[in-house]
Amino acid sequence: MDVVDAWTGQAACALQAALRESNEGFADRLGVAVRTVASWHANPDIVPRPEIQQALDTTYEKASPSVRRRFDRLTRPPAAVTAQALRVAIAVVVRGSDVLLVCRRGDASISWQFPAGVVKPGAAPEAVTVQEAHAETGVHCAVRQHLGGRLHPVTGVMAEYYLCDHLTGEASNLDVVENAAVQWVPIREVPRFIPPDRIYPPVLHALEETA
């Protein structure tokens, strides 16, 4: 910050902190009463009188580079924090006319779905798709096509769907804490395991073309 357009009590206190001075020392430097400095601490939005504005300008301009850097850090607006919605990568792994499903353990029930994993910030969802499918089921697969994404109607997370081809490996339940079972299911029988209205339409279309 090279210029302070208008001093407020908050900015004046930041300059005091950058100088590392007590109320008495800062008041003496500016030629004001100690109670004036105290009022800035009590009322950060107060605007000092023009002559005090000038004194603050002069103090800032004569400050050392280290003091000015500290003042800049103290008055810099906090960096905006961008919250990333929870994302999951979902693997729709096909082997011939079969598709890979896992049976999730819930608090009070179990449900069948496609293997999935959380995409951490900075991670590539395609890589997570392949890694999580293998970690959960022992199946090695390769991404063939990104089928799209949506806000999942049940979980409320951002879901990215990938059609994958089976490479090697038999289906095994490698995550017994999360899953009750892992199974290859004939594509035409998927509606017996997952209600069709809960399946992302592009996934249904891709499976219909594969079957």
Protein backbone atom coordinates (compact mmCIF):
# COMPACT_ATOMS: atom_id res chain seq x y z
CA MET A 1 0.00 0.00 0.00
CA ASP A 2 1.67 3.27 -1.16
CA VAL A 3 -1.09 5.77 -0.31
CA VAL A 4 -3.79 5.83 2.36
CA ASP A 5 -6.77 7.62 0.87
CA ALA A 6 -8.45 8.28 4.20
CA TRP A 7 -7.36 7.32 7.68
CA THR A 8 -9.78 5.65 10.04
CA GLY A 9 -9.32 4.60 13.61
CA GLN A 10 -8.67 1.04 12.39
CA ALA A 11 -5.97 2.14 9.93
CA ALA A 12 -4.35 4.39 12.53
CA CYS A 13 -4.22 1.48 14.99
CA ALA A 14 -2.68 -0.70 12.28
CA LEU A 15 0.07 1.91 11.81
CA GLN A 16 0.60 1.97 15.58
CA ALA A 17 0.91 -1.82 15.60
CA ALA A 18 3.33 -1.71 12.66
CA LEU A 19 5.46 0.79 14.58
CA ARG A 20 5.12 -1.39 17.70
CA GLU A 21 4.39 1.59 19.88
CA SER A 22 2.29 2.01 22.98
CA ASN A 23 -0.66 4.39 23.07
CA GLU A 24 1.53 6.91 24.83
CA GLY A 25 4.40 6.61 22.33
CA PHE A 26 2.11 6.77 19.30
CA ALA A 27 0.23 9.76 20.73
CA ASP A 28 3.51 11.56 21.38
CA ARG A 29 4.71 10.86 17.82
CA LEU A 30 1.52 12.31 16.32
CA GLY A 31 1.18 15.16 18.80
CA VAL A 32 -2.25 14.07 20.00
CA ALA A 33 -3.70 13.15 23.38
CA VAL A 34 -3.45 9.57 24.56
CA ARG A 35 -7.25 9.48 24.85
CA THR A 36 -7.44 10.18 21.10
CA VAL A 37 -5.45 7.04 20.33
CA ALA A 38 -7.58 5.12 22.83
CA SER A 39 -10.72 6.33 21.02
CA TRP A 40 -9.41 4.81 17.77
CA HIS A 41 -9.16 1.42 19.44
CA ALA A 42 -12.67 1.79 20.86
CA ASN A 43 -14.19 3.06 17.60
CA PRO A 44 -12.32 1.67 14.54
CA ASP A 45 -14.65 3.45 12.09
CA ILE A 46 -13.96 6.93 13.43
CA VAL A 47 -12.37 9.37 10.95
CA PRO A 48 -9.67 11.61 12.52
CA ARG A 49 -9.65 15.36 11.96
CA PRO A 50 -7.83 16.70 8.84
CA GLU A 51 -4.77 17.83 10.80
CA ILE A 52 -4.44 14.38 12.34
CA GLN A 53 -4.90 12.80 8.90
CA GLN A 54 -1.88 14.86 7.79
CA ALA A 55 0.14 13.73 10.79
CA LEU A 56 -0.67 10.11 10.03
CA ASP A 57 0.31 10.64 6.37
CA THR A 58 3.67 12.07 7.43
CA THR A 59 4.30 9.26 9.91
CA TYR A 60 3.53 6.62 7.30
CA GLU A 61 5.65 8.30 4.62
CA LYS A 62 8.66 8.53 6.97
CA ALA A 63 8.28 4.94 8.22
CA SER A 64 10.93 2.37 7.39
CA PRO A 65 10.27 -0.26 4.70
CA SER A 66 9.79 -2.96 7.34
CA VAL A 67 7.16 -0.86 9.13
CA ARG A 68 5.36 -0.20 5.85
CA ARG A 69 5.39 -3.93 5.03
CA ARG A 70 3.89 -4.76 8.42
CA PHE A 71 1.25 -2.05 7.94
CA ASP A 72 0.41 -3.46 4.51
CA ARG A 73 -0.08 -6.95 5.94
CA LEU A 74 -2.23 -5.62 8.78
CA THR A 75 -4.52 -3.66 6.46
CA ARG A 76 -4.67 -6.12 3.56
CA PRO A 77 -8.17 -7.58 3.05
CA PRO A 78 -8.34 -11.29 3.88
CA ALA A 79 -7.87 -13.49 0.85
CA ALA A 80 -11.11 -14.79 -0.57
CA VAL A 81 -11.68 -18.42 0.27
CA THR A 82 -13.27 -20.47 -2.44
CA ALA A 83 -15.08 -23.48 -1.09
CA GLN A 84 -14.97 -26.47 -3.31
CA ALA A 85 -18.06 -28.61 -3.28
CA LEU A 86 -17.49 -32.24 -2.38
CA ARG A 87 -16.87 -34.15 -5.61
CA VAL A 88 -16.91 -37.85 -6.29
CA ALA A 89 -15.75 -39.78 -9.34
CA ILE A 90 -17.97 -42.71 -10.27
CA ALA A 91 -16.72 -45.68 -12.26
CA VAL A 92 -19.20 -47.44 -14.56
CA VAL A 93 -17.01 -50.44 -15.36
CA VAL A 94 -18.23 -52.77 -18.08
CA ARG A 95 -16.97 -56.23 -18.98
CA GLY A 96 -18.77 -57.58 -21.99
CA SER A 97 -22.46 -57.45 -21.09
CA ASP A 98 -21.82 -57.05 -17.34
CA VAL A 99 -21.29 -53.98 -15.19
CA LEU A 100 -19.52 -53.75 -11.83
CA LEU A 101 -21.59 -52.87 -8.76
CA VAL A 102 -20.81 -52.51 -5.07
CA CYS A 103 -23.22 -52.88 -2.19
CA ARG A 104 -22.72 -50.02 0.28
CA ARG A 105 -23.32 -50.39 3.97
CA GLY A 106 -25.54 -47.58 5.31
CA ASP A 107 -26.61 -46.56 8.80
CA ALA A 108 -29.80 -48.59 8.56
CA SER A 109 -29.73 -50.18 5.12
CA ILE A 110 -27.60 -51.31 2.21
CA SER A 111 -27.74 -50.07 -1.36
CA TRP A 112 -26.20 -51.05 -4.67
CA GLN A 113 -24.27 -48.51 -6.71
CA PHE A 114 -21.24 -48.05 -8.94
CA PRO A 115 -17.76 -47.83 -7.39
CA ALA A 116 -16.91 -44.26 -6.43
CA GLY A 117 -14.32 -42.20 -4.64
CA VAL A 118 -13.91 -38.66 -3.33
CA VAL A 119 -11.92 -36.31 -5.56
CA LYS A 120 -9.59 -34.29 -3.36
CA PRO A 121 -8.58 -30.75 -4.41
CA GLY A 122 -5.96 -30.92 -7.14
CA ALA A 123 -6.64 -34.57 -8.00
CA ALA A 124 -7.68 -35.67 -11.49
CA PRO A 125 -11.15 -37.30 -11.36
CA GLU A 126 -10.19 -39.76 -14.12
CA ALA A 127 -7.30 -41.03 -12.00
CA VAL A 128 -9.51 -41.24 -8.91
CA THR A 129 -12.03 -43.28 -10.90
CA VAL A 130 -9.46 -45.92 -11.80
CA GLN A 131 -7.77 -45.93 -8.38
CA GLU A 132 -10.96 -46.23 -6.36
CA ALA A 133 -12.43 -48.95 -8.56
CA HIS A 134 -9.29 -51.02 -7.98
CA ALA A 135 -9.07 -50.18 -4.25
CA GLU A 136 -12.67 -51.24 -3.65
CA THR A 137 -13.00 -54.21 -5.96
CA GLY A 138 -9.57 -55.37 -7.15
CA VAL A 139 -10.60 -54.65 -10.74
CA HIS A 140 -8.22 -52.77 -13.03
CA CYS A 141 -10.03 -50.58 -15.54
CA ALA A 142 -9.39 -47.79 -18.02
CA VAL A 143 -11.57 -44.73 -18.62
CA ARG A 144 -13.27 -44.85 -22.01
CA GLN A 145 -15.54 -41.82 -21.81
CA HIS A 146 -16.64 -39.03 -19.48
CA LEU A 147 -20.42 -39.31 -19.28
CA GLY A 148 -20.98 -35.98 -17.56
CA GLY A 149 -21.67 -34.71 -14.07
CA ARG A 150 -24.55 -33.69 -11.84
CA LEU A 151 -25.47 -32.75 -8.31
CA HIS A 152 -26.45 -36.15 -6.95
CA PRO A 153 -30.16 -36.14 -6.00
CA VAL A 154 -29.64 -38.38 -2.96
CA THR A 155 -26.23 -37.44 -1.54
CA GLY A 156 -26.10 -33.81 -2.66
CA VAL A 157 -22.46 -34.09 -3.79
CA MET A 158 -21.10 -33.22 -7.23
CA ALA A 159 -20.80 -36.52 -9.10
CA GLU A 160 -18.70 -37.10 -12.22
CA TYR A 161 -19.44 -40.27 -14.18
CA TYR A 162 -16.93 -42.22 -16.26
CA LEU A 163 -17.59 -45.20 -18.51
CA CYS A 164 -14.69 -47.60 -18.00
CA ASP A 165 -13.47 -50.80 -19.66
CA HIS A 166 -12.43 -53.79 -17.59
CA LEU A 167 -8.78 -54.70 -18.04
CA THR A 168 -7.90 -57.39 -15.51
CA GLY A 169 -8.95 -58.63 -12.10
CA GLU A 170 -11.85 -60.49 -10.58
CA ALA A 171 -14.40 -58.63 -8.50
CA SER A 172 -13.64 -58.90 -4.78
CA ASN A 173 -14.80 -56.94 -1.77
CA LEU A 174 -11.59 -55.23 -0.69
CA ASP A 175 -13.32 -52.63 1.50
CA VAL A 176 -15.41 -54.62 3.95
CA VAL A 177 -15.99 -51.56 6.14
CA GLU A 178 -17.76 -49.60 3.39
CA ASN A 179 -19.13 -52.43 1.27
CA ALA A 180 -21.18 -55.53 1.98
CA ALA A 181 -20.56 -57.10 -1.44
CA VAL A 182 -19.06 -56.57 -4.89
CA GLN A 183 -20.55 -58.19 -7.98
CA TRP A 184 -20.59 -58.28 -11.77
CA VAL A 185 -24.22 -57.79 -12.78
CA PRO A 186 -25.75 -58.32 -16.23
CA ILE A 187 -26.46 -54.86 -17.59
CA ARG A 188 -30.08 -55.76 -18.34
CA GLU A 189 -30.56 -56.65 -14.67
CA VAL A 190 -29.21 -53.37 -13.25
CA PRO A 191 -32.78 -52.04 -12.57
CA ARG A 192 -33.20 -54.92 -10.09
CA PHE A 193 -30.30 -53.47 -8.07
CA ILE A 194 -30.60 -49.71 -8.64
CA PRO A 195 -33.96 -48.00 -9.32
CA PRO A 196 -33.75 -46.58 -12.87
CA ASP A 197 -34.95 -43.15 -11.72
CA ARG A 198 -31.84 -42.88 -9.54
CA ILE A 199 -29.41 -43.66 -12.36
CA TYR A 200 -27.93 -40.70 -14.22
CA PRO A 201 -29.61 -40.77 -17.68
CA PRO A 202 -26.32 -40.68 -19.66
CA VAL A 203 -25.20 -43.74 -17.68
CA LEU A 204 -28.40 -45.59 -18.60
CA HIS A 205 -27.93 -44.64 -22.24
CA ALA A 206 -24.30 -45.81 -22.26
CA LEU A 207 -25.25 -49.13 -20.64
CA GLU A 208 -28.09 -49.67 -23.10
CA GLU A 209 -25.66 -49.20 -25.98
CA THR A 210 -23.21 -51.63 -24.38
CA ALA A 211 -25.72 -54.35 -23.54
